[in-house]
PDB file of N, CA and C in Angstrom:
ATOM      1  N   MET A   1      85.567  81.215  70.423  1.00  0.00           N
ATOM      2  CA  MET A   1      86.027  82.386  71.115  1.00  0.00           C
ATOM      3  C   MET A   1      84.989  82.846  72.139  1.00  0.00           C
ATOM      4  N   LYS A   2      83.681  82.817  71.754  1.00  0.00           N
ATOM      5  CA  LYS A   2      82.633  83.235  72.674  1.00  0.00           C
ATOM      6  C   LYS A   2      82.562  82.297  73.872  1.00  0.00           C
ATOM      7  N   LYS A   3      82.731  80.990  73.637  1.00  0.00           N
ATOM      8  CA  LYS A   3      82.693  80.023  74.739  1.00  0.00           C
ATOM      9  C   LYS A   3      83.846  80.256  75.704  1.00  0.00           C
ATOM     10  N   LEU A   4      85.007  80.585  75.165  1.00  0.00           N
ATOM     11  CA  LEU A   4      86.169  80.849  76.010  1.00  0.00           C
ATOM     12  C   LEU A   4      85.952  82.094  76.864  1.00  0.00           C
ATOM     13  N   LEU A   5      85.409  83.143  76.268  1.00  0.00           N
ATOM     14  CA  LEU A   5      85.132  84.379  76.987  1.00  0.00           C
ATOM     15  C   LEU A   5      84.069  84.160  78.052  1.00  0.00           C
ATOM     16  N   LEU A   6      83.021  83.432  77.698  1.00  0.00           N
ATOM     17  CA  LEU A   6      81.955  83.138  78.659  1.00  0.00           C
ATOM     18  C   LEU A   6      82.483  82.294  79.820  1.00  0.00           C
ATOM     19  N   SER A   7      83.321  81.315  79.523  1.00  0.00           N
ATOM     20  CA  SER A   7      83.918  80.479  80.566  1.00  0.00           C
ATOM     21  C   SER A   7      84.797  81.309  81.491  1.00  0.00           C
ATOM     22  N   ALA A   8      85.533  82.240  80.930  1.00  0.00           N
ATOM     23  CA  ALA A   8      86.404  83.098  81.741  1.00  0.00           C
ATOM     24  C   ALA A   8      85.586  83.982  82.665  1.00  0.00           C
ATOM     25  N   ILE A   9      84.476  84.522  82.180  1.00  0.00           N
ATOM     26  CA  ILE A   9      83.612  85.382  83.004  1.00  0.00           C
ATOM     27  C   ILE A   9      82.996  84.577  84.140  1.00  0.00           C
ATOM     28  N   VAL A  10      82.526  83.357  83.846  1.00  0.00           N
ATOM     29  CA  VAL A  10      81.938  82.509  84.881  1.00  0.00           C
ATOM     30  C   VAL A  10      82.985  82.146  85.925  1.00  0.00           C
ATOM     31  N   LEU A  11      84.184  81.816  85.491  1.00  0.00           N
ATOM     32  CA  LEU A  11      85.260  81.459  86.407  1.00  0.00           C
ATOM     33  C   LEU A  11      85.627  82.631  87.317  1.00  0.00           C
ATOM     34  N   ILE A  12      85.704  83.828  86.760  1.00  0.00           N
ATOM     35  CA  ILE A  12      86.022  85.018  87.565  1.00  0.00           C
ATOM     36  C   ILE A  12      84.895  85.296  88.554  1.00  0.00           C
ATOM     37  N   ALA A  13      83.657  85.178  88.109  1.00  0.00           N
ATOM     38  CA  ALA A  13      82.518  85.429  88.995  1.00  0.00           C
ATOM     39  C   ALA A  13      82.504  84.447  90.158  1.00  0.00           C
ATOM     40  N   MET A  14      82.821  83.194  89.899  1.00  0.00           N
ATOM     41  CA  MET A  14      82.827  82.188  90.959  1.00  0.00           C
ATOM     42  C   MET A  14      83.974  82.417  91.933  1.00  0.00           C
ATOM     43  N   SER A  15      85.105  82.852  91.456  1.00  0.00           N
ATOM     44  CA  SER A  15      86.244  83.058  92.345  1.00  0.00           C
ATOM     45  C   SER A  15      86.100  84.315  93.174  1.00  0.00           C
ATOM     46  N   CYS A  16      85.267  85.254  92.757  1.00  0.00           N
ATOM     47  CA  CYS A  16      85.083  86.501  93.502  1.00  0.00           C
ATOM     48  C   CYS A  16      83.976  86.422  94.529  1.00  0.00           C
ATOM     49  N   SER A  17      83.205  85.344  94.543  1.00  0.00           N
ATOM     50  CA  SER A  17      82.132  85.248  95.523  1.00  0.00           C
ATOM     51  C   SER A  17      82.732  85.099  96.910  1.00  0.00           C
ATOM     52  N   SER A  18      82.075  85.735  97.877  1.00  0.00           N
ATOM     53  CA  SER A  18      82.611  85.716  99.246  1.00  0.00           C
ATOM     54  C   SER A  18      81.876  84.694 100.092  1.00  0.00           C
ATOM     55  N   ASN A  19      82.571  84.184 101.071  1.00  0.00           N
ATOM     56  CA  ASN A  19      82.005  83.252 102.027  1.00  0.00           C
ATOM     57  C   ASN A  19      81.516  84.073 103.211  1.00  0.00           C
ATOM     58  N   ASP A  20      80.239  83.962 103.571  1.00  0.00           N
ATOM     59  CA  ASP A  20      79.667  84.776 104.639  1.00  0.00           C
ATOM     60  C   ASP A  20      80.372  84.559 105.971  1.00  0.00           C
ATOM     61  N   GLU A  21      80.732  83.331 106.289  1.00  0.00           N
ATOM     62  CA  GLU A  21      81.354  83.046 107.574  1.00  0.00           C
ATOM     63  C   GLU A  21      82.712  83.707 107.710  1.00  0.00           C
ATOM     64  N   SER A  22      83.526  83.642 106.660  1.00  0.00           N
ATOM     65  CA  SER A  22      84.860  84.216 106.768  1.00  0.00           C
ATOM     66  C   SER A  22      84.820  85.739 106.763  1.00  0.00           C
ATOM     67  N   SER A  23      83.886  86.338 106.046  1.00  0.00           N
ATOM     68  CA  SER A  23      83.825  87.794 106.015  1.00  0.00           C
ATOM     69  C   SER A  23      83.260  88.348 107.306  1.00  0.00           C
ATOM     70  N   SER A  24      82.378  87.609 107.989  1.00  0.00           N
ATOM     71  CA  SER A  24      81.812  88.106 109.238  1.00  0.00           C
ATOM     72  C   SER A  24      82.847  88.094 110.364  1.00  0.00           C
ATOM     73  N   SER A  25      83.827  87.226 110.300  1.00  0.00           N
ATOM     74  CA  SER A  25      84.839  87.199 111.356  1.00  0.00           C
ATOM     75  C   SER A  25      85.792  88.380 111.249  1.00  0.00           C
ATOM     76  N   ASN A  26      85.860  89.014 110.087  1.00  0.00           N
ATOM     77  CA  ASN A  26      86.738  90.163 109.917  1.00  0.00           C
ATOM     78  C   ASN A  26      86.064  91.470 110.288  1.00  0.00           C
ATOM     79  N   VAL A  27      84.758  91.462 110.534  1.00  0.00           N
ATOM     80  CA  VAL A  27      84.027  92.665 110.885  1.00  0.00           C
ATOM     81  C   VAL A  27      84.248  92.956 112.365  1.00  0.00           C
ATOM     82  N   THR A  28      84.606  94.208 112.672  1.00  0.00           N
ATOM     83  CA  THR A  28      84.821  94.587 114.064  1.00  0.00           C
ATOM     84  C   THR A  28      83.603  95.328 114.588  1.00  0.00           C
ATOM     85  N   ASP A  29      83.345  95.157 115.851  1.00  0.00           N
ATOM     86  CA  ASP A  29      82.227  95.815 116.511  1.00  0.00           C
ATOM     87  C   ASP A  29      82.600  97.271 116.766  1.00  0.00           C
ATOM     88  N   PRO A  30      81.841  98.239 116.224  1.00  0.00           N
ATOM     89  CA  PRO A  30      82.222  99.641 116.396  1.00  0.00           C
ATOM     90  C   PRO A  30      82.184 100.099 117.851  1.00  0.00           C
ATOM     91  N   ILE A  31      81.353  99.488 118.670  1.00  0.00           N
ATOM     92  CA  ILE A  31      81.284  99.904 120.071  1.00  0.00           C
ATOM     93  C   ILE A  31      82.546  99.494 120.819  1.00  0.00           C
ATOM     94  N   THR A  32      83.069  98.304 120.540  1.00  0.00           N
ATOM     95  CA  THR A  32      84.241  97.839 121.277  1.00  0.00           C
ATOM     96  C   THR A  32      85.541  98.392 120.716  1.00  0.00           C
ATOM     97  N   THR A  33      85.514  99.023 119.540  1.00  0.00           N
ATOM     98  CA  THR A  33      86.732  99.601 118.970  1.00  0.00           C
ATOM     99  C   THR A  33      86.704 101.119 118.953  1.00  0.00           C
ATOM    100  N   ASP A  34      85.585 101.744 119.271  1.00  0.00           N
ATOM    101  CA  ASP A  34      85.465 103.200 119.278  1.00  0.00           C
ATOM    102  C   ASP A  34      86.191 103.757 120.496  1.00  0.00           C
ATOM    103  N   CYS A  35      87.049 104.746 120.278  1.00  0.00           N
ATOM    104  CA  CYS A  35      87.830 105.322 121.376  1.00  0.00           C
ATOM    105  C   CYS A  35      86.993 106.219 122.285  1.00  0.00           C
ATOM    106  N   ASP A  36      85.745 106.529 121.909  1.00  0.00           N
ATOM    107  CA  ASP A  36      84.858 107.291 122.776  1.00  0.00           C
ATOM    108  C   ASP A  36      83.975 106.368 123.605  1.00  0.00           C
ATOM    109  N   CYS A  37      84.232 105.075 123.543  1.00  0.00           N
ATOM    110  CA  CYS A  37      83.421 104.093 124.256  1.00  0.00           C
ATOM    111  C   CYS A  37      84.289 103.295 125.225  1.00  0.00           C
ATOM    112  N   GLY A  38      83.624 102.595 126.116  1.00  0.00           N
ATOM    113  CA  GLY A  38      84.329 101.748 127.059  1.00  0.00           C
ATOM    114  C   GLY A  38      83.387 100.770 127.718  1.00  0.00           C
ATOM    115  N   ARG A  39      83.959  99.915 128.551  1.00  0.00           N
ATOM    116  CA  ARG A  39      83.217  98.874 129.255  1.00  0.00           C
ATOM    117  C   ARG A  39      83.161  99.215 130.730  1.00  0.00           C
ATOM    118  N   ILE A  40      81.997  99.045 131.329  1.00  0.00           N
ATOM    119  CA  ILE A  40      81.842  99.281 132.768  1.00  0.00           C
ATOM    120  C   ILE A  40      82.522  98.135 133.503  1.00  0.00           C
ATOM    121  N   VAL A  41      83.483  98.481 134.364  1.00  0.00           N
ATOM    122  CA  VAL A  41      84.214  97.461 135.104  1.00  0.00           C
ATOM    123  C   VAL A  41      83.799  97.396 136.579  1.00  0.00           C
ATOM    124  N   ARG A  42      83.202  98.461 137.106  1.00  0.00           N
ATOM    125  CA  ARG A  42      82.685  98.480 138.476  1.00  0.00           C
ATOM    126  C   ARG A  42      81.432  99.333 138.517  1.00  0.00           C
ATOM    127  N   SER A  43      80.473  98.917 139.324  1.00  0.00           N
ATOM    128  CA  SER A  43      79.231  99.665 139.473  1.00  0.00           C
ATOM    129  C   SER A  43      78.675  99.402 140.857  1.00  0.00           C
ATOM    130  N   GLY A  44      78.193 100.442 141.491  1.00  0.00           N
ATOM    131  CA  GLY A  44      77.618 100.265 142.821  1.00  0.00           C
ATOM    132  C   GLY A  44      76.843 101.487 143.260  1.00  0.00           C
ATOM    133  N   ALA A  45      75.934 101.284 144.186  1.00  0.00           N
ATOM    134  CA  ALA A  45      75.110 102.366 144.732  1.00  0.00           C
ATOM    135  C   ALA A  45      75.475 102.583 146.189  1.00  0.00           C
ATOM    136  N   PHE A  46      75.312 103.821 146.648  1.00  0.00           N
ATOM    137  CA  PHE A  46      75.559 104.131 148.049  1.00  0.00           C
ATOM    138  C   PHE A  46      74.582 105.214 148.487  1.00  0.00           C
ATOM    139  N   ASN A  47      74.383 105.293 149.799  1.00  0.00           N
ATOM    140  CA  ASN A  47      73.469 106.276 150.390  1.00  0.00           C
ATOM    141  C   ASN A  47      74.262 107.326 151.133  1.00  0.00           C
ATOM    142  N   VAL A  48      73.775 108.551 151.069  1.00  0.00           N
ATOM    143  CA  VAL A  48      74.331 109.661 151.834  1.00  0.00           C
ATOM    144  C   VAL A  48      73.257 110.085 152.832  1.00  0.00           C
ATOM    145  N   VAL A  49      73.634 110.155 154.107  1.00  0.00           N
ATOM    146  CA  VAL A  49      72.690 110.569 155.143  1.00  0.00           C
ATOM    147  C   VAL A  49      72.586 112.093 155.101  1.00  0.00           C
ATOM    148  N   ASN A  50      71.362 112.559 154.959  1.00  0.00           N
ATOM    149  CA  ASN A  50      71.119 113.993 154.880  1.00  0.00           C
ATOM    150  C   ASN A  50      71.075 114.618 156.271  1.00  0.00           C
ATOM    151  N   THR A  51      71.135 115.922 156.310  1.00  0.00           N
ATOM    152  CA  THR A  51      71.108 116.644 157.589  1.00  0.00           C
ATOM    153  C   THR A  51      69.749 116.484 158.253  1.00  0.00           C
ATOM    154  N   PRO A  52      69.716 116.551 159.593  1.00  0.00           N
ATOM    155  CA  PRO A  52      68.425 116.458 160.295  1.00  0.00           C
ATOM    156  C   PRO A  52      67.492 117.578 159.825  1.00  0.00           C
ATOM    157  N   GLY A  53      66.234 117.264 159.675  1.00  0.00           N
ATOM    158  CA  GLY A  53      65.249 118.221 159.215  1.00  0.00           C
ATOM    159  C   GLY A  53      65.081 118.221 157.707  1.00  0.00           C
ATOM    160  N   SER A  54      65.899 117.449 157.009  1.00  0.00           N
ATOM    161  CA  SER A  54      65.780 117.348 155.557  1.00  0.00           C
ATOM    162  C   SER A  54      64.512 116.574 155.215  1.00  0.00           C
ATOM    163  N   PRO A  55      63.868 116.894 154.083  1.00  0.00           N
ATOM    164  CA  PRO A  55      62.638 116.162 153.726  1.00  0.00           C
ATOM    165  C   PRO A  55      62.873 114.671 153.468  1.00  0.00           C
ATOM    166  N   THR A  56      64.078 114.299 153.102  1.00  0.00           N
ATOM    167  CA  THR A  56      64.397 112.879 152.927  1.00  0.00           C
ATOM    168  C   THR A  56      65.590 112.538 153.806  1.00  0.00           C
ATOM    169  N   PRO A  57      65.536 111.402 154.507  1.00  0.00           N
ATOM    170  CA  PRO A  57      66.633 111.064 155.418  1.00  0.00           C
ATOM    171  C   PRO A  57      67.934 110.685 154.695  1.00  0.00           C
ATOM    172  N   THR A  58      67.823 110.101 153.494  1.00  0.00           N
ATOM    173  CA  THR A  58      69.024 109.713 152.750  1.00  0.00           C
ATOM    174  C   THR A  58      68.848 110.030 151.265  1.00  0.00           C
ATOM    175  N   THR A  59      69.966 110.142 150.587  1.00  0.00           N
ATOM    176  CA  THR A  59      69.976 110.310 149.132  1.00  0.00           C
ATOM    177  C   THR A  59      70.847 109.200 148.555  1.00  0.00           C
ATOM    178  N   THR A  60      70.367 108.544 147.491  1.00  0.00           N
ATOM    179  CA  THR A  60      71.088 107.433 146.881  1.00  0.00           C
ATOM    180  C   THR A  60      71.771 107.894 145.598  1.00  0.00           C
ATOM    181  N   PHE A  61      72.991 107.423 145.411  1.00  0.00           N
ATOM    182  CA  PHE A  61      73.761 107.701 144.208  1.00  0.00           C
ATOM    183  C   PHE A  61      74.320 106.386 143.663  1.00  0.00           C
ATOM    184  N   THR A  62      74.569 106.358 142.360  1.00  0.00           N
ATOM    185  CA  THR A  62      75.227 105.227 141.718  1.00  0.00           C
ATOM    186  C   THR A  62      76.519 105.713 141.103  1.00  0.00           C
ATOM    187  N   THR A  63      77.598 104.994 141.365  1.00  0.00           N
ATOM    188  CA  THR A  63      78.867 105.286 140.701  1.00  0.00           C
ATOM    189  C   THR A  63      79.228 104.086 139.835  1.00  0.00           C
ATOM    190  N   TYR A  64      79.832 104.374 138.687  1.00  0.00           N
ATOM    191  CA  TYR A  64      80.312 103.299 137.832  1.00  0.00           C
ATOM    192  C   TYR A  64      81.617 103.739 137.188  1.00  0.00           C
ATOM    193  N   VAL A  65      82.485 102.780 136.955  1.00  0.00           N
ATOM    194  CA  VAL A  65      83.810 103.034 136.399  1.00  0.00           C
ATOM    195  C   VAL A  65      83.862 102.441 134.997  1.00  0.00           C
ATOM    196  N   VAL A  66      84.286 103.278 134.027  1.00  0.00           N
ATOM    197  CA  VAL A  66      84.353 102.865 132.629  1.00  0.00           C
ATOM    198  C   VAL A  66      85.816 102.757 132.212  1.00  0.00           C
ATOM    199  N   LEU A  67      86.181 101.613 131.646  1.00  0.00           N
ATOM    200  CA  LEU A  67      87.524 101.376 131.111  1.00  0.00           C
ATOM    201  C   LEU A  67      87.487 101.700 129.626  1.00  0.00           C
ATOM    202  N   ASN A  68      88.242 102.737 129.201  1.00  0.00           N
ATOM    203  CA  ASN A  68      88.246 103.183 127.814  1.00  0.00           C
ATOM    204  C   ASN A  68      88.820 102.109 126.899  1.00  0.00           C
ATOM    205  N   ASN A  69      88.216 101.944 125.723  1.00  0.00           N
ATOM    206  CA  ASN A  69      88.642 100.923 124.758  1.00  0.00           C
ATOM    207  C   ASN A  69      90.058 101.141 124.254  1.00  0.00           C
ATOM    208  N   CYS A  70      90.462 102.372 124.055  1.00  0.00           N
ATOM    209  CA  CYS A  70      91.757 102.649 123.423  1.00  0.00           C
ATOM    210  C   CYS A  70      92.864 102.952 124.430  1.00  0.00           C
ATOM    211  N   SER A  71      92.567 103.803 125.396  1.00  0.00           N
ATOM    212  CA  SER A  71      93.618 104.244 126.319  1.00  0.00           C
ATOM    213  C   SER A  71      93.763 103.348 127.540  1.00  0.00           C
ATOM    214  N   ASN A  72      92.760 102.494 127.806  1.00  0.00           N
ATOM    215  CA  ASN A  72      92.720 101.652 129.011  1.00  0.00           C
ATOM    216  C   ASN A  72      92.720 102.466 130.295  1.00  0.00           C
ATOM    217  N   LEU A  73      92.314 103.725 130.205  1.00  0.00           N
ATOM    218  CA  LEU A  73      92.180 104.561 131.398  1.00  0.00           C
ATOM    219  C   LEU A  73      90.779 104.385 131.969  1.00  0.00           C
ATOM    220  N   GLU A  74      90.695 104.421 133.301  1.00  0.00           N
ATOM    221  CA  GLU A  74      89.402 104.304 133.963  1.00  0.00           C
ATOM    222  C   GLU A  74      88.872 105.688 134.298  1.00  0.00           C
ATOM    223  N   ARG A  75      87.564 105.861 134.120  1.00  0.00           N
ATOM    224  CA  ARG A  75      86.924 107.121 134.468  1.00  0.00           C
ATOM    225  C   ARG A  75      85.685 106.799 135.290  1.00  0.00           C
ATOM    226  N   THR A  76      85.511 107.531 136.384  1.00  0.00           N
ATOM    227  CA  THR A  76      84.391 107.297 137.287  1.00  0.00           C
ATOM    228  C   THR A  76      83.277 108.297 137.005  1.00  0.00           C
ATOM    229  N   TYR A  77      82.054 107.794 136.959  1.00  0.00           N
ATOM    230  CA  TYR A  77      80.867 108.618 136.745  1.00  0.00           C
ATOM    231  C   TYR A  77      79.928 108.427 137.922  1.00  0.00           C
ATOM    232  N   GLN A  78      79.092 109.428 138.182  1.00  0.00           N
ATOM    233  CA  GLN A  78      78.123 109.352 139.269  1.00  0.00           C
ATOM    234  C   GLN A  78      76.788 109.869 138.771  1.00  0.00           C
ATOM    235  N   VAL A  79      75.723 109.140 139.089  1.00  0.00           N
ATOM    236  CA  VAL A  79      74.363 109.534 138.733  1.00  0.00           C
ATOM    237  C   VAL A  79      73.482 109.427 139.975  1.00  0.00           C
ATOM    238  N   SER A  80      72.394 110.163 139.989  1.00  0.00           N
ATOM    239  CA  SER A  80      71.470 110.128 141.127  1.00  0.00           C
ATOM    240  C   SER A  80      70.613 108.877 141.090  1.00  0.00           C
ATOM    241  N   GLY A  81      70.306 108.369 142.263  1.00  0.00           N
ATOM    242  CA  GLY A  81      69.437 107.209 142.388  1.00  0.00           C
ATOM    243  C   GLY A  81      70.195 105.897 142.280  1.00  0.00           C
ATOM    244  N   ASN A  82      69.496 104.810 142.593  1.00  0.00           N
ATOM    245  CA  ASN A  82      70.075 103.481 142.460  1.00  0.00           C
ATOM    246  C   ASN A  82      69.842 103.008 141.031  1.00  0.00           C
ATOM    247  N   GLN A  83      70.875 103.140 140.195  1.00  0.00           N
ATOM    248  CA  GLN A  83      70.753 102.792 138.783  1.00  0.00           C
ATOM    249  C   GLN A  83      71.740 101.692 138.402  1.00  0.00           C
ATOM    250  N   THR A  84      72.035 100.790 139.335  1.00  0.00           N
ATOM    251  CA  THR A  84      72.978  99.715 139.039  1.00  0.00           C
ATOM    252  C   THR A  84      72.455  98.788 137.943  1.00  0.00           C
ATOM    253  N   SER A  85      71.138  98.677 137.774  1.00  0.00           N
ATOM    254  CA  SER A  85      70.601  97.852 136.692  1.00  0.00           C
ATOM    255  C   SER A  85      70.757  98.553 135.342  1.00  0.00           C
ATOM    256  N   THR A  86      70.820  99.871 135.343  1.00  0.00           N
ATOM    257  CA  THR A  86      71.028 100.632 134.107  1.00  0.00           C
ATOM    258  C   THR A  86      72.495 100.622 133.707  1.00  0.00           C
ATOM    259  N   TYR A  87      73.390 100.573 134.680  1.00  0.00           N
ATOM    260  CA  TYR A  87      74.839 100.591 134.448  1.00  0.00           C
ATOM    261  C   TYR A  87      75.490  99.323 135.019  1.00  0.00           C
ATOM    262  N   PRO A  88      75.169  98.136 134.462  1.00  0.00           N
ATOM    263  CA  PRO A  88      75.739  96.894 135.000  1.00  0.00           C
ATOM    264  C   PRO A  88      77.175  96.695 134.530  1.00  0.00           C
ATOM    265  N   VAL A  89      77.930  95.923 135.297  1.00  0.00           N
ATOM    266  CA  VAL A  89      79.303  95.575 134.928  1.00  0.00           C
ATOM    267  C   VAL A  89      79.270  94.774 133.627  1.00  0.00           C
ATOM    268  N   GLY A  90      80.148  95.154 132.695  1.00  0.00           N
ATOM    269  CA  GLY A  90      80.240  94.479 131.412  1.00  0.00           C
ATOM    270  C   GLY A  90      79.539  95.198 130.280  1.00  0.00           C
ATOM    271  N   LYS A  91      78.691  96.167 130.594  1.00  0.00           N
ATOM    272  CA  LYS A  91      77.960  96.894 129.556  1.00  0.00           C
ATOM    273  C   LYS A  91      78.894  97.886 128.876  1.00  0.00           C
ATOM    274  N   TYR A  92      78.791  98.002 127.546  1.00  0.00           N
ATOM    275  CA  TYR A  92      79.562  98.986 126.791  1.00  0.00           C
ATOM    276  C   TYR A  92      78.747 100.252 126.643  1.00  0.00           C
ATOM    277  N   ILE A  93      79.367 101.403 126.957  1.00  0.00           N
ATOM    278  CA  ILE A  93      78.700 102.679 126.792  1.00  0.00           C
ATOM    279  C   ILE A  93      79.659 103.648 126.106  1.00  0.00           C
ATOM    280  N   CYS A  94      79.076 104.658 125.489  1.00  0.00           N
ATOM    281  CA  CYS A  94      79.862 105.669 124.783  1.00  0.00           C
ATOM    282  C   CYS A  94      79.572 107.042 125.368  1.00  0.00           C
ATOM    283  N   ASN A  95      80.554 107.917 125.249  1.00  0.00           N
ATOM    284  CA  ASN A  95      80.394 109.299 125.741  1.00  0.00           C
ATOM    285  C   ASN A  95      79.420 110.050 124.888  1.00  0.00           C
TER     286      ASN A  95
END
């Protein structure tokens, strides 16, 4: 009876072990599935010519467009300076 019980426990333990490869494919990336996050689809910098007599002749801005993960709506953001390396196309960011 003890051998039968021990065999049953070993059999159950072996059947419940998980395979790392199959379980990792079921894990979703929280950044790509979070509805407060999105992927940058466009990014670029532009200059604005300032008025004559201004201490700087031009001011640089960076705009980037984020495609929301859930709604697929695009939202445009603008930051000061040339920051295209900070906001490259393909990068995931969250609000």
